[in-house]
Amino acid sequence: PATPDYFRHTSYEKYFGECGVGPPSFLCGSTVTTDCSCCHCDLYGMPDWNTGLHEVRAIHYRHIKELHDAGVTMLRVDAALYENVTETASVLNQFPWDLVYMEWWGEYPVGIHDEYIGNYRDIALRWKITNALASEKDLSKLPEILDLSYGTFGVDNSKAVYPMASHDQRTRESDQEIASYKNGLEYHQQQKFLLAWPWPEKVMLWGGFSWTDADQGPPGCEMGQDSCRPTSAFSGPEGEALCMDTPTESPLPEELAQSRRWVCEHRWAGVAGLVGFRKACQGLSTAVLPNTGAGRLAFAAGGDCLVALVKGTNSRWPQGYGKLGDWSLRGLKTGLPAGRYCDVAQLSTRFKPGATSCNSEVVVNPAGVIVMGTVHEGDLVAIYTGARLVSARGAVDKGPAEPVPPQRRLRADIRM
């Protein structure tokens, strides 16, 4: 059993921590947090395990083994800046994890954490995406979103995990600059873009619950209760998930934004379809398609993938450019092979090869030009060659044939 001897404490009183760390500086006498100067301190006053003791590491090993044996394959290391790297790694690295990432708040990495523990959570990229797609009023800057080459300065793309939402930065009211479900359609477009953009190596989807206070837990557990049991998200009559519908406006209406229910942002229409898009198009080089108009962006990824979007507007924080309206893609030169494409950014399930129809289609002719397709305001379209629809006979439906120009007929009058 754990005893006070297993926690860090002063030499004269085992119930007193060696030092404390918390707001506003989160420092412990050093000018940086990455030198482990706080590793012996109690974060927010919570007792800190003495991981230098073999007995403590043995306790942690048993707990980690229990998680791994139960099927857990990925871990987040909370408060990683305040844990000794080698002592933590000596426990974690005894198991073959698919992914380990650390809670990280934007500090410049010193190299040892990613070498021995795992990747960094990089929340800075989501700020930049939110600004580009929602807050920025200058429509001409929209293509610059594809020029982003890092989130947190010093964190390489290969060592980052990019979330779109963060539990620690919830706000009571909707805030256009902070990505959360309360922003409605704006947030949905942002998470769609994070999936559709081929550059980020590892992204994180968020699926959570609504709140009226940032300190609240899941539905069924209200503040002031000594004990509780969260309401299951799968509480429908047939055991189906009862989640918030995909939003259609920004921000969400107050009755939804201030509700207490499961939101399940990861189940909103388009997310499941874009997971397949990401698998097919991740890492491909992108090229902006020209002459799309203000507030619109279309880019190709390799020769097989295409994304198009239109910026939306927010009734609470109007950006000044008004409603941009839907965008007909007819006439857009894509370079894609001919076919009827399923817009996977509207699918609530993964695309199934061999499908003959889709609730949103884009048609490309043999010249690589779109002849049918629309991006709705505040939304995104994503198509790729692996999601082309087939004809009733099972062959890839290549859409309408190239129009044949009328033949010129020569007429000669011969006079004698």
Foldseek 3Di string as FASTA:
>chain_A
DDDLVQFAADPVDSVHFPAEADPDQRDDPDPDLQPLSQLRHDYVPHTHGPLVDPVSLVVVLVVVVVCVVVPDQEEEAEPVSNHDQVSVLVRVVVDHHPFYEYADDQDQHPPSNCVRTAAYEQAQLLLVLLCLQAVDLFLVCNVCNLVDQDRRPNHHLVRYEYENADLVDDDLADDSSHQDLQFALLNLQSVLCVLQRQERPHYDYDWWWAANDSPDHADQGGPPDPDTDHDDLQPDPVSRGDADERGDATRDPPCRNHDHHTHGSCQYFQNQASNVNNVVQHPFDKDWFPDQDGQKTKIAGDQWKIKIAGRAAHPVDGSPPPGPFKGWQAFGARNHAAAKWAQSSGHSHYADPAAADHPFIWGAERRRGTHGHMHGHSHMTMTGPRGGYPHPVRHGGRPDYDDDDDDDDDDDDDDD
